[in-house]
Amino acid sequence: MEAEEQPTAPSAPVVAKEANPEVKEES
């Protein structure tokens, strides 16, 4: 259960990068 919560944190930035691929390139 804890292992699932840990990957949830890194999942947030991953989703943002996929949702805003242009922002990632601009950064």
N, C-alpha and C. Protein backbone atom coordinates (compact mmCIF):
# COMPACT_ATOMS: atom_id res chain seq x y z
N MET A 1 0.84 -1.20 0.00
CA MET A 1 0.00 0.00 0.00
C MET A 1 0.88 1.26 0.00
N GLU A 2 1.91 1.23 0.82
CA GLU A 2 2.78 2.42 0.87
C GLU A 2 3.49 2.62 -0.47
N ALA A 3 3.83 1.51 -1.09
CA ALA A 3 4.54 1.61 -2.37
C ALA A 3 3.66 2.32 -3.39
N GLU A 4 2.36 2.11 -3.27
CA GLU A 4 1.47 2.77 -4.23
C GLU A 4 1.39 4.27 -3.98
N GLU A 5 1.53 4.65 -2.72
CA GLU A 5 1.43 6.08 -2.41
C GLU A 5 2.70 6.81 -2.86
N GLN A 6 3.83 6.13 -2.82
CA GLN A 6 5.09 6.78 -3.20
C GLN A 6 5.09 7.15 -4.69
N PRO A 7 4.70 6.24 -5.55
CA PRO A 7 4.68 6.53 -6.99
C PRO A 7 3.63 7.58 -7.34
N THR A 8 2.70 7.80 -6.43
CA THR A 8 1.65 8.80 -6.71
C THR A 8 2.27 10.20 -6.77
N ALA A 9 3.27 10.45 -5.97
CA ALA A 9 3.89 11.78 -5.96
C ALA A 9 4.56 12.06 -7.32
N PRO A 10 5.42 11.16 -7.78
CA PRO A 10 6.09 11.38 -9.06
C PRO A 10 5.10 11.34 -10.23
N SER A 11 3.96 10.73 -9.99
CA SER A 11 2.96 10.63 -11.06
C SER A 11 2.39 12.02 -11.37
N ALA A 12 2.31 12.87 -10.38
CA ALA A 12 1.73 14.21 -10.59
C ALA A 12 2.54 14.98 -11.63
N PRO A 13 3.84 15.10 -11.45
CA PRO A 13 4.67 15.84 -12.43
C PRO A 13 4.63 15.18 -13.79
N VAL A 14 4.53 13.87 -13.80
CA VAL A 14 4.49 13.16 -15.09
C VAL A 14 3.22 13.54 -15.85
N VAL A 15 2.12 13.60 -15.14
CA VAL A 15 0.84 13.95 -15.79
C VAL A 15 0.90 15.39 -16.29
N ALA A 16 1.44 16.27 -15.50
CA ALA A 16 1.53 17.68 -15.90
C ALA A 16 2.38 17.80 -17.16
N LYS A 17 3.45 17.04 -17.22
CA LYS A 17 4.34 17.11 -18.40
C LYS A 17 3.58 16.60 -19.62
N GLU A 18 2.79 15.55 -19.43
CA GLU A 18 2.05 15.00 -20.58
C GLU A 18 0.90 15.94 -20.96
N ALA A 19 0.31 16.57 -19.98
CA ALA A 19 -0.81 17.48 -20.24
C ALA A 19 -0.29 18.78 -20.85
N ASN A 20 0.94 19.17 -20.46
CA ASN A 20 1.52 20.41 -20.99
C ASN A 20 2.91 20.13 -21.55
N PRO A 21 2.97 19.40 -22.65
CA PRO A 21 4.27 19.08 -23.24
C PRO A 21 4.97 20.34 -23.72
N GLU A 22 4.18 21.33 -24.11
CA GLU A 22 4.80 22.58 -24.59
C GLU A 22 5.49 23.31 -23.45
N VAL A 23 4.89 23.28 -22.27
CA VAL A 23 5.48 23.96 -21.11
C VAL A 23 6.81 23.31 -20.77
N LYS A 24 6.84 21.98 -20.85
CA LYS A 24 8.08 21.26 -20.52
C LYS A 24 9.19 21.68 -21.48
N GLU A 25 8.87 21.84 -22.74
CA GLU A 25 9.91 22.22 -23.71
C GLU A 25 10.34 23.66 -23.48
N GLU A 26 9.38 24.52 -23.12
CA GLU A 26 9.73 25.92 -22.89
C GLU A 26 10.62 26.04 -21.66
N SER A 27 10.33 25.21 -20.65
CA SER A 27 11.11 25.27 -19.42
C SER A 27 12.55 24.93 -19.76
